[in-house]
Protein backbone atom coordinates (compact mmCIF):
# COMPACT_ATOMS: atom_id res chain seq x y z
CA UNK A 1 -21.74 -84.16 78.73
CA UNK A 2 -19.42 -82.15 80.97
CA UNK A 3 -20.86 -79.83 83.58
CA UNK A 4 -19.82 -78.03 86.74
CA UNK A 5 -20.25 -80.00 89.97
CA UNK A 6 -22.21 -77.59 92.15
CA UNK A 7 -24.83 -79.33 94.28
CA UNK A 8 -24.25 -81.80 97.10
CA UNK A 9 -25.52 -84.54 94.79
CA UNK A 10 -23.00 -83.46 92.17
CA UNK A 11 -20.21 -83.56 94.72
CA UNK A 12 -21.31 -87.01 95.91
CA UNK A 13 -21.00 -88.24 92.33
CA UNK A 14 -17.68 -86.40 91.92
CA UNK A 15 -16.21 -87.98 95.06
CA UNK A 16 -17.42 -91.44 94.04
CA UNK A 17 -15.65 -91.29 90.70
CA UNK A 18 -12.52 -89.63 92.10
CA UNK A 19 -12.12 -92.25 94.83
CA UNK A 20 -12.68 -95.10 92.37
CA UNK A 21 -9.86 -93.79 90.17
CA UNK A 22 -7.54 -92.43 92.87
CA UNK A 23 -8.07 -94.54 96.02
CA UNK A 24 -4.70 -93.49 97.45
CA UNK A 25 -5.86 -89.84 97.52
CA UNK A 26 -9.42 -90.15 98.87
CA UNK A 27 -11.80 -87.19 98.82
CA UNK A 28 -14.96 -86.34 100.73
CA UNK A 29 -17.89 -84.05 99.97
CA UNK A 30 -17.07 -81.94 103.03
CA UNK A 31 -13.48 -81.54 101.86
CA UNK A 32 -14.59 -80.43 98.39
CA UNK A 33 -17.07 -77.91 99.82
CA UNK A 34 -14.43 -76.45 102.13
CA UNK A 35 -11.91 -76.14 99.32
CA UNK A 36 -14.36 -74.26 97.13
CA UNK A 37 -15.15 -71.85 99.97
CA UNK A 38 -11.44 -71.22 100.57
CA UNK A 39 -10.67 -70.95 96.86
CA UNK A 40 -13.42 -69.35 94.75
CA UNK A 41 -11.30 -69.84 91.61
CA UNK A 42 -11.47 -73.62 91.96
CA UNK A 43 -13.58 -75.47 89.37
CA UNK A 44 -14.92 -79.02 89.80
CA UNK A 45 -16.48 -80.73 86.78
CA UNK A 46 -18.33 -83.98 86.08
CA UNK A 47 -18.31 -85.93 82.82
CA UNK A 48 -21.46 -88.03 82.29
CA UNK A 49 -22.71 -90.58 79.80
CA UNK A 50 -26.53 -90.69 79.84
CA UNK A 51 -26.48 -89.19 83.37
CA UNK A 52 -23.94 -91.78 84.59
CA UNK A 53 -20.72 -90.17 85.93
CA UNK A 54 -17.66 -91.50 84.11
CA UNK A 55 -15.07 -88.78 84.70
CA UNK A 56 -14.21 -85.83 86.92
CA UNK A 57 -11.69 -83.04 87.09
CA UNK A 58 -10.68 -79.91 88.91
CA UNK A 59 -8.72 -76.80 88.01
CA UNK A 60 -7.59 -73.65 89.73
CA UNK A 61 -4.62 -71.61 90.80
CA UNK A 62 -1.47 -73.37 91.88
CA UNK A 63 0.57 -72.39 94.92
CA UNK A 64 3.19 -70.80 92.64
CA UNK A 65 2.40 -67.35 91.21
CA UNK A 66 1.28 -67.29 87.58
CA UNK A 67 0.63 -71.02 87.49
CA UNK A 68 -2.57 -73.06 87.30
CA UNK A 69 -3.32 -76.70 87.97
CA UNK A 70 -5.54 -79.25 86.22
CA UNK A 71 -6.51 -82.81 87.17
CA UNK A 72 -8.70 -84.69 84.65
CA UNK A 73 -9.64 -88.25 85.61
CA UNK A 74 -11.64 -90.84 83.62
CA UNK A 75 -12.83 -94.28 84.74
CA UNK A 76 -10.83 -97.03 82.96
CA UNK A 77 -13.78 -98.45 81.02
CA UNK A 78 -14.62 -95.02 79.58
CA UNK A 79 -11.16 -94.11 78.29
CA UNK A 80 -10.14 -93.65 74.66
CA UNK A 81 -13.52 -92.14 73.80
CA UNK A 82 -12.51 -88.48 73.93
CA UNK A 83 -13.74 -87.94 77.50
CA UNK A 84 -10.29 -87.08 78.84
CA UNK A 85 -9.70 -84.61 76.01
CA UNK A 86 -13.05 -82.92 76.67
CA UNK A 87 -12.33 -82.69 80.39
CA UNK A 88 -8.85 -81.31 79.80
CA UNK A 89 -10.26 -78.71 77.41
CA UNK A 90 -12.75 -77.45 80.02
CA UNK A 91 -10.11 -77.33 82.74
CA UNK A 92 -7.44 -75.63 80.65
CA UNK A 93 -9.97 -73.04 79.45
CA UNK A 94 -10.74 -72.24 83.09
CA UNK A 95 -7.05 -71.78 83.94
CA UNK A 96 -6.55 -69.57 80.87
CA UNK A 97 -9.54 -67.45 81.93
CA UNK A 98 -7.75 -66.81 85.23
CA UNK A 99 -5.00 -65.08 83.26
CA UNK A 100 -2.28 -67.58 84.14
CA UNK A 101 0.68 -68.41 81.90
CA UNK A 102 1.57 -71.97 82.90
CA UNK A 103 -0.47 -75.06 83.75
CA UNK A 104 0.70 -78.05 85.79
CA UNK A 105 -0.62 -81.55 86.42
CA UNK A 106 0.37 -84.77 88.16
CA UNK A 107 0.43 -88.17 86.44
CA UNK A 108 0.73 -91.55 88.15
CA UNK A 109 4.12 -92.91 87.15
CA UNK A 110 2.58 -96.39 86.73
CA UNK A 111 0.02 -95.14 84.18
CA UNK A 112 1.81 -95.12 80.83
CA UNK A 113 -1.40 -94.24 78.99
CA UNK A 114 -2.02 -91.11 81.03
CA UNK A 115 1.58 -89.97 80.60
CA UNK A 116 1.31 -90.46 76.83
CA UNK A 117 -1.96 -88.49 76.92
CA UNK A 118 -0.28 -85.59 78.72
CA UNK A 119 2.70 -85.56 76.35
CA UNK A 120 0.30 -85.50 73.41
CA UNK A 121 -1.00 -82.11 74.51
CA UNK A 122 2.41 -80.56 75.06
CA UNK A 123 2.96 -81.30 78.75
CA UNK A 124 6.58 -81.95 79.67
CA UNK A 125 7.98 -83.76 82.71
CA UNK A 126 9.60 -81.38 85.21
CA UNK A 127 9.81 -83.38 88.45
CA UNK A 128 8.97 -86.63 90.22
CA UNK A 129 7.24 -86.96 93.58
CA UNK A 130 7.91 -90.11 95.60
CA UNK A 131 5.22 -91.43 97.96
CA UNK A 132 6.28 -93.18 101.17
CA UNK A 133 3.84 -94.91 103.53
CA UNK A 134 4.11 -95.93 107.18
CA UNK A 135 1.76 -98.32 109.01
CA UNK A 136 1.22 -97.17 112.59
CA UNK A 137 1.86 -99.75 115.32
CA UNK A 138 2.96 -99.59 118.95
CA UNK A 139 5.15 -96.52 118.82
CA UNK A 140 7.67 -95.74 121.58
CA UNK A 141 7.59 -92.34 123.32
CA UNK A 142 9.48 -89.62 121.47
CA UNK A 143 12.16 -87.60 123.22
CA UNK A 144 13.42 -84.26 121.85
CA UNK A 145 17.19 -83.72 121.65
CA UNK A 146 18.93 -82.08 124.60
CA UNK A 147 18.17 -78.37 124.87
CA UNK A 148 14.99 -78.62 122.79
CA UNK A 149 11.34 -78.71 123.81
CA UNK A 150 8.42 -79.81 121.63
CA UNK A 151 5.11 -77.95 121.71
CA UNK A 152 2.04 -78.56 119.58
CA UNK A 153 0.23 -76.02 117.43
CA UNK A 154 -2.91 -76.86 119.41
CA UNK A 155 -1.20 -75.73 122.62
CA UNK A 156 0.53 -72.66 121.12
CA UNK A 157 -1.48 -71.73 117.97
CA UNK A 158 0.24 -68.37 117.66
CA UNK A 159 3.52 -70.16 116.90
CA UNK A 160 2.26 -71.43 113.54
CA UNK A 161 2.41 -67.87 112.20
CA UNK A 162 5.86 -67.44 113.71
CA UNK A 163 7.01 -70.64 111.99
CA UNK A 164 6.22 -69.23 108.52
CA UNK A 165 9.74 -67.82 107.94
CA UNK A 166 11.26 -71.21 108.75
CA UNK A 167 8.80 -72.86 106.35
CA UNK A 168 9.85 -70.47 103.57
CA UNK A 169 13.47 -71.43 104.27
CA UNK A 170 12.57 -75.11 104.08
CA UNK A 171 10.70 -74.80 100.80
CA UNK A 172 13.60 -72.81 99.34
CA UNK A 173 15.93 -75.72 100.11
CA UNK A 174 13.75 -78.31 98.36
CA UNK A 175 15.18 -79.96 95.27
CA UNK A 176 12.30 -78.99 92.98
CA UNK A 177 12.40 -78.17 89.27
CA UNK A 178 10.79 -74.78 89.96
CA UNK A 179 11.00 -72.84 93.24
CA UNK A 180 8.16 -73.46 95.70
CA UNK A 181 6.67 -70.28 97.09
CA UNK A 182 3.94 -70.14 99.72
CA UNK A 183 1.92 -67.27 101.11
CA UNK A 184 1.31 -66.75 104.81
CA UNK A 185 -2.42 -67.22 104.19
CA UNK A 186 -1.76 -70.57 102.51
CA UNK A 187 0.52 -71.67 105.34
CA UNK A 188 -2.03 -70.85 108.04
CA UNK A 189 -4.87 -72.47 106.07
CA UNK A 190 -3.29 -75.65 104.70
CA UNK A 191 -0.66 -76.67 107.27
CA UNK A 192 -1.22 -78.23 110.68
CA UNK A 193 -4.81 -79.28 109.99
CA UNK A 194 -4.23 -81.72 112.85
CA UNK A 195 -2.88 -79.07 115.25
CA UNK A 196 -2.64 -81.44 118.22
CA UNK A 197 -0.15 -83.57 116.22
CA UNK A 198 1.81 -80.75 114.54
CA UNK A 199 4.97 -80.15 116.53
CA UNK A 200 7.21 -77.10 116.85
CA UNK A 201 10.73 -77.47 118.26
CA UNK A 202 11.88 -74.67 120.58
CA UNK A 203 15.41 -73.98 121.78
CA UNK A 204 14.58 -71.51 124.50
CA UNK A 205 12.30 -69.03 122.75
CA UNK A 206 13.71 -69.74 119.27
CA UNK A 207 11.87 -71.89 116.73
CA UNK A 208 14.38 -74.39 115.34
CA UNK A 209 12.15 -77.04 113.78
CA UNK A 210 8.64 -77.96 112.74
CA UNK A 211 6.77 -81.06 111.54
CA UNK A 212 3.10 -80.88 110.64
CA UNK A 213 0.32 -83.41 110.23
CA UNK A 214 -2.67 -82.98 107.92
CA UNK A 215 -5.98 -84.73 107.44
CA UNK A 216 -6.64 -87.03 104.50
CA UNK A 217 -9.96 -87.32 102.72
CA UNK A 218 -11.05 -90.47 104.55
CA UNK A 219 -10.90 -88.94 108.02
CA UNK A 220 -8.45 -89.65 110.80
CA UNK A 221 -7.57 -93.28 110.05
CA UNK A 222 -5.09 -92.02 107.43
CA UNK A 223 -3.02 -88.87 107.83
CA UNK A 224 -0.48 -87.09 105.67
CA UNK A 225 2.79 -85.57 106.75
CA UNK A 226 2.90 -81.84 106.22
CA UNK A 227 6.18 -79.98 106.00
CA UNK A 228 9.08 -81.13 108.14
CA UNK A 229 11.81 -78.51 108.36
CA UNK A 230 14.77 -77.84 110.62
CA UNK A 231 16.61 -74.53 110.82
CA UNK A 232 19.83 -74.79 108.83
CA UNK A 233 22.14 -74.40 111.84
CA UNK A 234 20.27 -77.16 113.71
CA UNK A 235 20.35 -79.82 111.01
CA UNK A 236 22.08 -83.20 111.31
CA UNK A 237 21.37 -83.45 115.05
CA UNK A 238 18.46 -85.88 114.80
CA UNK A 239 15.83 -83.17 115.23
CA UNK A 240 13.79 -84.06 112.11
CA UNK A 241 13.68 -87.72 113.17
CA UNK A 242 12.61 -86.80 116.71
CA UNK A 243 9.84 -84.51 115.45
CA UNK A 244 8.47 -87.22 113.18
CA UNK A 245 8.67 -89.78 115.99
CA UNK A 246 6.54 -87.46 118.13
CA UNK A 247 3.87 -87.53 115.42
CA UNK A 248 4.03 -91.32 115.17
CA UNK A 249 3.53 -91.59 118.93
CA UNK A 250 0.49 -89.31 118.78
CA UNK A 251 -0.99 -91.22 115.84
CA UNK A 252 -0.62 -94.56 117.63
CA UNK A 253 -2.54 -93.17 120.60
CA UNK A 254 -5.29 -91.59 118.51
CA UNK A 255 -6.47 -94.25 116.08
CA UNK A 256 -4.47 -93.31 112.98
CA UNK A 257 -3.54 -96.47 111.10
CA UNK A 258 -1.44 -95.10 108.24
CA UNK A 259 0.53 -91.99 107.39
CA UNK A 260 1.67 -91.01 103.91
CA UNK A 261 4.25 -88.49 102.80
CA UNK A 262 5.60 -87.15 99.53
CA UNK A 263 9.18 -86.13 98.77
CA UNK A 264 10.68 -84.73 95.61
CA UNK A 265 13.26 -86.31 93.37
CA UNK A 266 16.59 -85.16 94.76
CA UNK A 267 15.36 -84.88 98.37
CA UNK A 268 17.36 -87.88 99.53
CA UNK A 269 17.91 -86.47 103.03
CA UNK A 270 14.23 -86.54 104.00
CA UNK A 271 13.67 -89.87 102.26
CA UNK A 272 16.50 -91.32 104.36
CA UNK A 273 14.86 -90.01 107.55
CA UNK A 274 11.62 -91.67 106.49
CA UNK A 275 13.39 -94.94 105.66
CA UNK A 276 14.95 -95.05 109.14
CA UNK A 277 11.49 -94.54 110.62
CA UNK A 278 10.08 -97.50 108.68
CA UNK A 279 8.33 -95.77 105.78
CA UNK A 280 7.95 -97.94 102.65
CA UNK A 281 7.79 -96.80 99.03
CA UNK A 282 4.45 -97.01 97.24
CA UNK A 283 4.37 -94.99 94.03
CA UNK A 284 5.90 -92.19 91.99
CA UNK A 285 3.94 -89.26 90.63
CA UNK A 286 5.31 -87.37 87.63
CA UNK A 287 4.87 -83.59 87.61
CA UNK A 288 4.28 -82.11 84.15
CA UNK A 289 3.60 -78.61 82.89
CA UNK A 290 2.78 -76.75 79.68
CA UNK A 291 2.78 -73.14 78.54
CA UNK A 292 -0.55 -71.38 78.00
CA UNK A 293 -2.45 -70.88 75.79
CA UNK A 294 -2.76 -74.59 75.05
CA UNK A 295 -4.64 -76.09 72.13
CA UNK A 296 -6.82 -79.00 73.29
CA UNK A 297 -8.83 -80.74 70.57
């Protein structure tokens, strides 16, 4: 049986299954509640076998206009029994009901079975996301380049709004299969969720760089890099590296043990910055999409 995860008990079951399947992207009940409040179009579902949760999934609007997102997940022992197909059907139907024309999903590049499953329903690969991971140790103090000062979003919260135009520029420069567009509301809501460790670079009164830090589902022991962007005329001066070093220094002093980041295929510049800072490669996620309506049987 597949049903909507609505109560706290439902969400506890949802999180348990999700974390068992996707330990590198942990979720919490609080996180799921907050996301549903922020996004009323988001759907979370549970798949059960005799009241025992064996699969989960969520669906909703993507960041890109006209696009939805689905994420069906099934515990390994319950696969190849039609559970994934049933979950996908519920999720795709929800996205179609939102009036969207395209649906996207992410597949673990190590999971050949899941990729075959996606291809079987008409999903096509459009991009690859590369995960890099950094263990936090004794980090040296970070110094901004000459003529630049670093300030945190916690200290100057009004600057996050003023950084939006630079963020749009940064997303436009990303080597993605389809352009990434973000709204101001999304930027203010989703970025800098650790404001005391999200740094803005100022040259005088001008914003010339930004690097954000976000919370992961398992609290503050693991964090995720948000956007790192440098104004085009300030690039190749070591500013991105210095901004990320400032975050590493803060994390070392505040109990964060690991930071993860994702870069797109073709974004060699940022991957090189991460490599110099000691980030290691962990996995590749394949981005797929399909046109709607989509027949799922």
